[in-house]
Amino acid sequence: MELLKAVAKKKKYLIWPVAVLAVGVVLKLTLLAPPRVKVVTARKLDLTSQVYGNGTVEAKVVVGVSSRVTGRIVAVYADQGDVVKRGQLLAKLENDDVLQQQRQSEAGLNRSTADVSVEQANLQKAEATLALAEKNAQRFKILAEKNLVARLEADQYETARQVAREEVARSMAAIEAARMGQQAGRAGLGFARSKVADTLIYAPQDGVVITRDLERGDTVSPGMSIFTLADPRTVWVKANVDESQLKGIAVGNKALIALRSLGSAQLPGQVARVGHESDRVTEELEVDVAFSEPLKHFRLGEQSDVYIVTGMKKNATSLPSAAIVTKDKKRGVWVVANGKLAFKPVIVGIEDRRNLTEIVAGLAGGERVAVAPPLETAKFKEGMKVRVAR
């Protein structure tokens, strides 16, 4: 019995060293163990550098359709969302008064045209009378010189010739006056027709009716908008791009456009215009991105995202962007060799939206590069021991 007690007492003294050893092993394997890191190697991939911009759908050509005269709208032939062609009748104003003026001008023109015809007939008659008077005056002048007729009779025929000449001149002047009256009639008719035309509102160009601002029965005055038209061929996205991202952006760059109404779908486009004045508050520049194919259905003001392609590289050496860190104002990567970290400066190229970055120089190839969250990489030091996560 005493022997068993002695053995039990010795076991108590042996437990403490074993426990301390176990705790040490656990600490070494957990808290005191080198941190685990994920490693990657550079791969050859096709990369595309894109710049992000946010904006709204707008139209370069937006036209307000209005009237040139004051009048009451009696008919409206188009509505919001309709596609219209240039010259298509959109609305009609009350025009009874101007139609009467047009008919009156037409009658006046017809009367002046008839006056011209009458005076032309009078001129022909006067010219025939003049020709006869000249013959008679010439004949009696010769007879008077031979004393075959009285001198007084010859003078009478000479007077008749002068009267005939004056009548021809009068008829020519009357024709000219009638023609001037005819021109005035044409001008008056043209003015009356223009007044009638002003009561008919036509589409000034092809487009889509964005808004219908007035209805039948409304009174419109000059310059008051009845419709607003937008040319779908000029619809684009006015995107705002941060000044720090403008390098490489130029007219003609390809782009992808994401409209909020289309979900994850993206439409092809290209940069159509680059602004020349940045916003002094937001430090952004307006870049207009046009759709490659005109939109059939669009909403001006819709929120949009654009991704402008500024560079492309095929078979480029690349690493995940998370592997690129900055140390002592140098960009580089942490390479894992023999269980230790070593910082290696690199020169980077284009950055792909897929969180990939081109490595232009600095890696020989095959290096195992550590990838970790920024909070962990901030603790990395030269020669620090790490464990490679499996």
Protein backbone atom coordinates (compact mmCIF):
# COMPACT_ATOMS: atom_id res chain seq x y z
CA MET A 1 0.00 0.00 0.00
CA GLU A 2 2.84 2.33 0.83
CA LEU A 3 4.43 1.49 -2.51
CA LEU A 4 1.36 2.61 -4.42
CA LYS A 5 1.28 5.88 -2.56
CA ALA A 6 4.91 6.53 -3.39
CA VAL A 7 4.37 5.86 -7.11
CA ALA A 8 1.35 8.17 -7.19
CA LYS A 9 3.36 10.91 -5.53
CA LYS A 10 6.15 10.60 -8.11
CA LYS A 11 3.58 10.78 -10.97
CA LYS A 12 2.35 14.13 -9.70
CA TYR A 13 5.86 15.53 -9.97
CA LEU A 14 6.21 14.12 -13.54
CA ILE A 15 2.93 15.66 -14.83
CA TRP A 16 4.13 19.27 -14.52
CA PRO A 17 7.12 18.97 -16.87
CA VAL A 18 5.03 17.11 -19.39
CA ALA A 19 2.33 19.78 -19.22
CA VAL A 20 4.84 22.59 -19.66
CA LEU A 21 6.37 20.80 -22.62
CA ALA A 22 2.95 20.32 -24.20
CA VAL A 23 2.06 23.99 -23.74
CA GLY A 24 5.37 24.96 -25.33
CA VAL A 25 4.72 22.74 -28.31
CA VAL A 26 1.22 24.17 -28.71
CA LEU A 27 2.49 27.77 -28.51
CA LYS A 28 5.20 27.02 -31.05
CA LEU A 29 2.67 25.53 -33.40
CA THR A 30 0.12 28.35 -32.95
CA LEU A 31 0.93 31.75 -31.49
CA LEU A 32 4.68 31.53 -31.91
CA ALA A 33 4.57 29.74 -35.27
CA PRO A 34 5.58 31.64 -38.44
CA PRO A 35 2.53 33.07 -40.23
CA ARG A 36 1.00 31.15 -43.08
CA VAL A 37 0.99 32.85 -46.48
CA LYS A 38 -0.46 31.94 -49.82
CA VAL A 39 2.02 31.92 -52.68
CA VAL A 40 1.55 32.37 -56.42
CA THR A 41 3.83 32.36 -59.44
CA ALA A 42 3.76 34.73 -62.39
CA ARG A 43 1.69 33.58 -65.35
CA LYS A 44 1.49 34.59 -69.00
CA LEU A 45 -1.94 36.10 -69.66
CA ASP A 46 -3.67 38.52 -72.02
CA LEU A 47 -4.27 41.73 -70.08
CA THR A 48 -6.46 44.74 -70.75
CA SER A 49 -6.02 48.06 -68.98
CA GLN A 50 -9.31 49.88 -68.35
CA VAL A 51 -10.21 53.20 -66.77
CA TYR A 52 -13.49 53.53 -64.90
CA GLY A 53 -15.90 56.42 -65.22
CA ASN A 54 -19.40 57.09 -63.96
CA GLY A 55 -21.97 59.26 -65.71
CA THR A 56 -25.39 59.51 -67.30
CA VAL A 57 -26.95 58.82 -70.68
CA GLU A 58 -27.34 62.06 -72.61
CA ALA A 59 -27.92 63.16 -76.21
CA LYS A 60 -25.61 65.52 -78.04
CA VAL A 61 -28.48 66.74 -80.23
CA VAL A 62 -31.64 67.62 -78.27
CA VAL A 63 -34.11 69.86 -80.12
CA GLY A 64 -37.09 71.70 -78.71
CA VAL A 65 -39.96 71.80 -81.22
CA SER A 66 -41.87 75.07 -80.90
CA SER A 67 -44.18 77.37 -82.88
CA ARG A 68 -43.25 80.60 -84.67
CA VAL A 69 -46.69 82.10 -84.09
CA THR A 70 -49.21 82.36 -81.28
CA GLY A 71 -52.18 80.04 -81.61
CA ARG A 72 -54.36 77.40 -80.06
CA ILE A 73 -53.41 73.78 -80.57
CA VAL A 74 -56.25 71.91 -82.28
CA ALA A 75 -54.51 68.57 -82.91
CA VAL A 76 -51.47 66.63 -81.62
CA TYR A 77 -50.16 63.73 -83.72
CA ALA A 78 -47.18 62.42 -81.67
CA ASP A 79 -46.56 61.30 -78.12
CA GLN A 80 -43.65 60.66 -75.81
CA GLY A 81 -41.51 57.75 -76.98
CA ASP A 82 -42.62 57.93 -80.63
CA VAL A 83 -39.98 57.67 -83.33
CA VAL A 84 -40.55 60.44 -85.88
CA LYS A 85 -39.04 61.32 -89.25
CA ARG A 86 -37.96 64.70 -90.48
CA GLY A 87 -40.93 66.57 -91.99
CA GLN A 88 -43.52 64.48 -90.13
CA LEU A 89 -46.56 66.47 -88.95
CA LEU A 90 -46.54 66.63 -85.15
CA ALA A 91 -49.21 69.20 -84.28
CA LYS A 92 -51.65 71.69 -85.82
CA LEU A 93 -52.71 75.16 -84.68
CA GLU A 94 -55.99 76.93 -85.36
CA ASN A 95 -55.61 78.53 -88.83
CA ASP A 96 -59.01 79.73 -90.16
CA ASP A 97 -57.93 83.40 -90.28
CA VAL A 98 -54.67 82.78 -92.10
CA LEU A 99 -56.39 80.48 -94.58
CA GLN A 100 -58.73 83.34 -95.50
CA GLN A 101 -55.74 85.63 -95.93
CA GLN A 102 -54.17 83.04 -98.21
CA ARG A 103 -57.29 82.84 -100.37
CA GLN A 104 -57.41 86.65 -100.56
CA SER A 105 -53.77 86.77 -101.65
CA GLU A 106 -54.43 84.11 -104.30
CA ALA A 107 -57.28 86.20 -105.69
CA GLY A 108 -55.10 89.32 -105.75
CA LEU A 109 -52.38 87.45 -107.61
CA ASN A 110 -54.86 86.17 -110.18
CA ARG A 111 -56.15 89.72 -110.71
CA SER A 112 -52.63 91.13 -111.24
CA THR A 113 -51.86 88.30 -113.66
CA ALA A 114 -54.99 89.20 -115.64
CA ASP A 115 -53.92 92.88 -115.65
CA VAL A 116 -50.60 91.90 -117.20
CA SER A 117 -52.42 90.00 -119.96
CA VAL A 118 -54.72 92.99 -120.67
CA GLU A 119 -51.85 95.45 -120.89
CA GLN A 120 -49.90 93.11 -123.17
CA ALA A 121 -52.91 93.06 -125.53
CA ASN A 122 -53.10 96.88 -125.38
CA LEU A 123 -49.40 97.05 -126.25
CA GLN A 124 -49.90 94.84 -129.30
CA LYS A 125 -52.77 97.10 -130.43
CA ALA A 126 -50.68 100.25 -129.85
CA GLU A 127 -47.74 98.80 -131.79
CA ALA A 128 -50.02 97.98 -134.75
CA THR A 129 -51.48 101.51 -134.67
CA LEU A 130 -47.96 102.96 -134.54
CA ALA A 131 -46.85 100.93 -137.55
CA LEU A 132 -49.81 102.21 -139.60
CA ALA A 133 -49.27 105.80 -138.43
CA GLU A 134 -45.61 105.70 -139.42
CA LYS A 135 -46.46 104.48 -142.91
CA ASN A 136 -49.08 107.17 -143.38
CA ALA A 137 -46.84 109.91 -142.02
CA GLN A 138 -43.98 108.89 -144.31
CA ARG A 139 -46.22 108.66 -147.38
CA PHE A 140 -47.86 112.05 -146.83
CA LYS A 141 -44.53 113.68 -146.10
CA ILE A 142 -43.28 112.64 -149.56
CA LEU A 143 -46.52 113.80 -151.22
CA ALA A 144 -46.32 117.16 -149.43
CA GLU A 145 -42.75 117.68 -150.60
CA LYS A 146 -44.03 117.18 -154.21
CA ASN A 147 -46.95 119.54 -153.51
CA LEU A 148 -49.41 116.76 -154.27
CA VAL A 149 -51.22 117.20 -150.91
CA ALA A 150 -51.58 120.06 -148.52
CA ARG A 151 -48.87 120.58 -145.92
CA LEU A 152 -51.49 120.66 -143.19
CA GLU A 153 -52.68 117.16 -144.05
CA ALA A 154 -49.10 115.82 -143.84
CA ASP A 155 -48.69 117.45 -140.40
CA GLN A 156 -51.85 115.74 -139.18
CA TYR A 157 -50.44 112.30 -140.05
CA GLU A 158 -47.15 113.22 -138.35
CA THR A 159 -49.10 114.11 -135.22
CA ALA A 160 -50.97 110.80 -135.38
CA ARG A 161 -47.60 109.01 -135.48
CA GLN A 162 -46.40 110.86 -132.35
CA VAL A 163 -49.64 109.95 -130.54
CA ALA A 164 -49.20 106.29 -131.52
CA ARG A 165 -45.64 106.31 -130.15
CA GLU A 166 -46.81 107.74 -126.84
CA GLU A 167 -49.52 105.08 -126.66
CA VAL A 168 -46.90 102.34 -127.13
CA ALA A 169 -44.77 103.88 -124.35
CA ARG A 170 -47.84 104.11 -122.10
CA SER A 171 -48.73 100.46 -122.74
CA MET A 172 -45.18 99.35 -121.94
CA ALA A 173 -45.24 101.30 -118.67
CA ALA A 174 -48.64 99.82 -117.83
CA ILE A 175 -47.26 96.32 -118.40
CA GLU A 176 -44.33 97.06 -116.12
CA ALA A 177 -46.69 98.34 -113.42
CA ALA A 178 -48.90 95.28 -113.81
CA ARG A 179 -45.86 93.01 -113.49
CA MET A 180 -44.79 94.81 -110.32
CA GLY A 181 -48.30 94.30 -108.99
CA GLN A 182 -47.97 90.63 -109.93
CA GLN A 183 -44.68 90.37 -108.00
CA ALA A 184 -46.31 92.04 -105.01
CA GLY A 185 -49.17 89.55 -105.28
CA ARG A 186 -46.72 86.63 -105.34
CA ALA A 187 -44.92 88.02 -102.28
CA GLY A 188 -48.21 88.50 -100.48
CA LEU A 189 -49.29 84.98 -101.34
CA GLY A 190 -45.95 83.61 -100.19
CA PHE A 191 -46.30 85.44 -96.88
CA ALA A 192 -49.86 84.16 -96.45
CA ARG A 193 -48.77 80.61 -97.22
CA SER A 194 -45.91 80.90 -94.72
CA LYS A 195 -48.40 82.01 -92.08
CA VAL A 196 -50.51 78.96 -92.85
CA ALA A 197 -47.39 76.76 -92.75
CA ASP A 198 -46.51 78.21 -89.35
CA THR A 199 -49.71 76.69 -87.98
CA LEU A 200 -48.49 73.21 -88.93
CA ILE A 201 -45.71 71.91 -86.66
CA TYR A 202 -43.34 69.47 -88.38
CA ALA A 203 -40.43 67.44 -87.03
CA PRO A 204 -37.19 69.32 -87.83
CA GLN A 205 -35.17 66.08 -87.90
CA ASP A 206 -35.34 62.34 -87.32
CA GLY A 207 -35.53 61.49 -83.64
CA VAL A 208 -37.41 60.21 -80.63
CA VAL A 209 -39.99 62.29 -78.78
CA ILE A 210 -38.54 62.69 -75.28
CA THR A 211 -41.30 64.89 -73.87
CA ARG A 212 -44.70 66.21 -74.99
CA ASP A 213 -45.02 69.53 -73.21
CA LEU A 214 -48.41 70.83 -74.43
CA GLU A 215 -51.77 69.27 -75.19
CA ARG A 216 -54.74 69.93 -77.48
CA GLY A 217 -56.49 73.14 -76.45
CA ASP A 218 -53.36 74.76 -75.03
CA THR A 219 -52.32 78.14 -76.40
CA VAL A 220 -48.75 78.24 -77.64
CA SER A 221 -46.60 81.33 -78.12
CA PRO A 222 -43.38 81.70 -80.15
CA GLY A 223 -40.50 79.81 -78.60
CA MET A 224 -42.68 77.77 -76.24
CA SER A 225 -41.73 74.09 -76.42
CA ILE A 226 -44.40 71.69 -77.66
CA PHE A 227 -42.13 68.63 -77.99
CA THR A 228 -38.54 67.73 -77.17
CA LEU A 229 -36.74 65.51 -79.69
CA ALA A 230 -33.45 63.66 -79.31
CA ASP A 231 -31.43 62.14 -82.13
CA PRO A 232 -30.69 58.52 -81.08
CA ARG A 233 -27.57 58.53 -83.26
CA THR A 234 -26.02 61.11 -80.94
CA VAL A 235 -26.88 59.42 -77.62
CA TRP A 236 -23.80 58.79 -75.50
CA VAL A 237 -22.66 58.58 -71.90
CA LYS A 238 -21.21 61.70 -70.31
CA ALA A 239 -18.79 60.03 -67.91
CA ASN A 240 -16.67 61.65 -65.20
CA VAL A 241 -13.14 60.25 -64.96
CA ASP A 242 -10.70 60.99 -62.15
CA GLU A 243 -7.79 63.16 -63.30
CA SER A 244 -5.29 60.61 -62.00
CA GLN A 245 -6.67 58.02 -64.45
CA LEU A 246 -6.61 60.11 -67.64
CA LYS A 247 -3.33 58.77 -69.00
CA GLY A 248 -3.94 56.91 -72.23
CA ILE A 249 -7.49 58.17 -72.76
CA ALA A 250 -8.01 59.55 -76.28
CA VAL A 251 -10.74 59.86 -78.88
CA GLY A 252 -11.32 56.47 -80.49
CA ASN A 253 -10.47 54.33 -77.44
CA LYS A 254 -12.75 51.32 -77.17
CA ALA A 255 -14.99 51.11 -74.13
CA LEU A 256 -17.63 49.02 -72.42
CA ILE A 257 -20.83 50.67 -71.19
CA ALA A 258 -22.97 49.27 -68.38
CA LEU A 259 -26.46 50.74 -68.02
CA ARG A 260 -28.26 50.36 -64.73
CA SER A 261 -31.38 49.09 -66.52
CA LEU A 262 -29.43 46.27 -68.23
CA GLY A 263 -28.00 44.71 -65.08
CA SER A 264 -24.66 43.00 -65.71
CA ALA A 265 -24.87 43.28 -69.50
CA GLN A 266 -22.33 45.58 -71.17
CA LEU A 267 -22.55 47.39 -74.51
CA PRO A 268 -19.60 48.23 -76.78
CA GLY A 269 -18.68 51.85 -77.36
CA GLN A 270 -15.82 54.22 -78.06
CA VAL A 271 -14.57 57.56 -76.75
CA ALA A 272 -16.14 60.30 -78.88
CA ARG A 273 -14.93 63.42 -77.07
CA VAL A 274 -12.56 64.30 -74.25
CA GLY A 275 -13.21 67.46 -72.27
CA HIS A 276 -10.64 70.22 -71.81
CA GLU A 277 -11.75 71.57 -68.43
CA SER A 278 -11.84 69.55 -65.22
CA ASP A 279 -14.24 70.09 -62.38
CA ARG A 280 -12.28 72.08 -59.82
CA VAL A 281 -14.15 70.54 -56.90
CA THR A 282 -14.33 66.84 -57.82
CA GLU A 283 -11.08 66.89 -59.86
CA GLU A 284 -12.75 64.89 -62.60
CA LEU A 285 -12.87 65.38 -66.37
CA GLU A 286 -15.87 64.76 -68.61
CA VAL A 287 -15.33 62.05 -71.23
CA ASP A 288 -18.12 61.38 -73.72
CA VAL A 289 -18.43 57.72 -74.69
CA ALA A 290 -20.63 56.90 -77.71
CA PHE A 291 -22.43 53.60 -78.28
CA SER A 292 -21.12 51.54 -81.20
CA GLU A 293 -24.72 50.81 -82.20
CA PRO A 294 -27.44 53.45 -81.60
CA LEU A 295 -29.75 52.51 -78.76
CA LYS A 296 -33.29 51.62 -79.78
CA HIS A 297 -34.58 52.32 -76.29
CA PHE A 298 -32.91 54.82 -74.00
CA ARG A 299 -33.66 57.11 -71.09
CA LEU A 300 -31.78 60.37 -70.84
CA GLY A 301 -30.23 60.80 -67.42
CA GLU A 302 -29.91 57.05 -66.70
CA GLN A 303 -26.93 56.21 -64.48
CA SER A 304 -24.15 54.40 -66.37
CA ASP A 305 -20.69 52.99 -65.80
CA VAL A 306 -18.02 53.03 -68.50
CA TYR A 307 -14.77 51.11 -68.75
CA ILE A 308 -12.40 52.74 -71.21
CA VAL A 309 -9.69 50.53 -72.71
CA THR A 310 -6.33 52.34 -72.51
CA GLY A 311 -4.00 49.44 -73.30
CA MET A 312 -3.81 45.77 -74.20
CA LYS A 313 -1.02 43.22 -73.81
CA LYS A 314 -0.97 39.65 -75.06
CA ASN A 315 0.96 36.93 -73.25
CA ALA A 316 2.09 39.35 -70.56
CA THR A 317 3.81 38.25 -67.33
CA SER A 318 1.24 38.91 -64.64
CA LEU A 319 0.56 38.54 -60.92
CA PRO A 320 -2.52 39.14 -58.78
CA SER A 321 -2.68 42.86 -57.94
CA ALA A 322 -2.84 41.96 -54.22
CA ALA A 323 0.73 40.64 -54.47
CA ILE A 324 2.09 44.09 -55.41
CA VAL A 325 3.12 46.13 -52.36
CA THR A 326 4.93 49.41 -51.73
CA LYS A 327 8.02 49.47 -49.52
CA ASP A 328 10.24 52.51 -49.07
CA LYS A 329 8.39 54.22 -51.93
CA LYS A 330 9.25 51.30 -54.21
CA ARG A 331 6.77 48.87 -55.72
CA GLY A 332 7.66 45.24 -55.39
CA VAL A 333 6.69 41.77 -54.20
CA TRP A 334 7.56 39.55 -51.23
CA VAL A 335 9.26 36.42 -52.53
CA VAL A 336 9.23 33.26 -50.39
CA ALA A 337 12.51 31.31 -50.53
CA ASN A 338 13.59 28.64 -48.00
CA GLY A 339 10.72 29.61 -45.72
CA LYS A 340 11.81 33.26 -45.51
CA LEU A 341 10.56 36.51 -47.03
CA ALA A 342 12.63 38.69 -49.35
CA PHE A 343 11.46 41.96 -50.90
CA LYS A 344 12.03 42.27 -54.63
CA PRO A 345 11.39 45.58 -56.45
CA VAL A 346 9.51 45.21 -59.72
CA ILE A 347 8.39 47.46 -62.57
CA VAL A 348 4.67 47.14 -63.25
CA GLY A 349 2.76 47.76 -66.47
CA ILE A 350 -0.92 47.76 -67.20
CA GLU A 351 -3.46 46.78 -64.56
CA ASP A 352 -6.37 44.57 -65.57
CA ARG A 353 -9.87 44.90 -64.06
CA ARG A 354 -9.62 41.24 -63.08
CA ASN A 355 -7.16 42.33 -60.32
CA LEU A 356 -4.16 41.33 -62.39
CA THR A 357 -1.04 43.46 -62.88
CA GLU A 358 1.63 43.16 -65.54
CA ILE A 359 5.21 42.65 -64.31
CA VAL A 360 7.49 44.36 -66.80
CA ALA A 361 10.78 43.69 -64.98
CA GLY A 362 12.12 42.44 -61.66
CA LEU A 363 11.26 38.75 -61.71
CA ALA A 364 13.29 36.05 -63.35
CA GLY A 365 10.35 33.66 -63.50
CA GLY A 366 9.30 30.84 -61.24
CA GLU A 367 9.57 32.80 -57.99
CA ARG A 368 7.00 32.04 -55.34
CA VAL A 369 5.34 35.34 -54.44
CA ALA A 370 3.45 35.85 -51.18
CA VAL A 371 -0.15 37.04 -51.36
CA ALA A 372 -1.86 38.30 -48.21
CA PRO A 373 -4.29 41.01 -47.09
CA PRO A 374 -2.80 44.53 -46.75
CA LEU A 375 -2.89 44.40 -42.92
CA GLU A 376 -0.71 41.30 -42.96
CA THR A 377 1.72 42.43 -45.67
CA ALA A 378 2.27 45.62 -43.65
CA LYS A 379 3.90 43.38 -40.96
CA PHE A 380 6.24 41.60 -43.39
CA LYS A 381 9.97 42.12 -42.85
CA GLU A 382 13.08 41.10 -44.71
CA GLY A 383 14.12 37.56 -43.69
CA MET A 384 10.90 36.92 -41.78
CA LYS A 385 9.99 33.23 -41.49
CA VAL A 386 6.69 32.16 -43.04
CA ARG A 387 4.85 28.97 -43.74
CA VAL A 388 3.37 28.28 -47.14
CA ALA A 389 -0.31 27.57 -46.92
CA ARG A 390 -1.36 24.35 -48.58
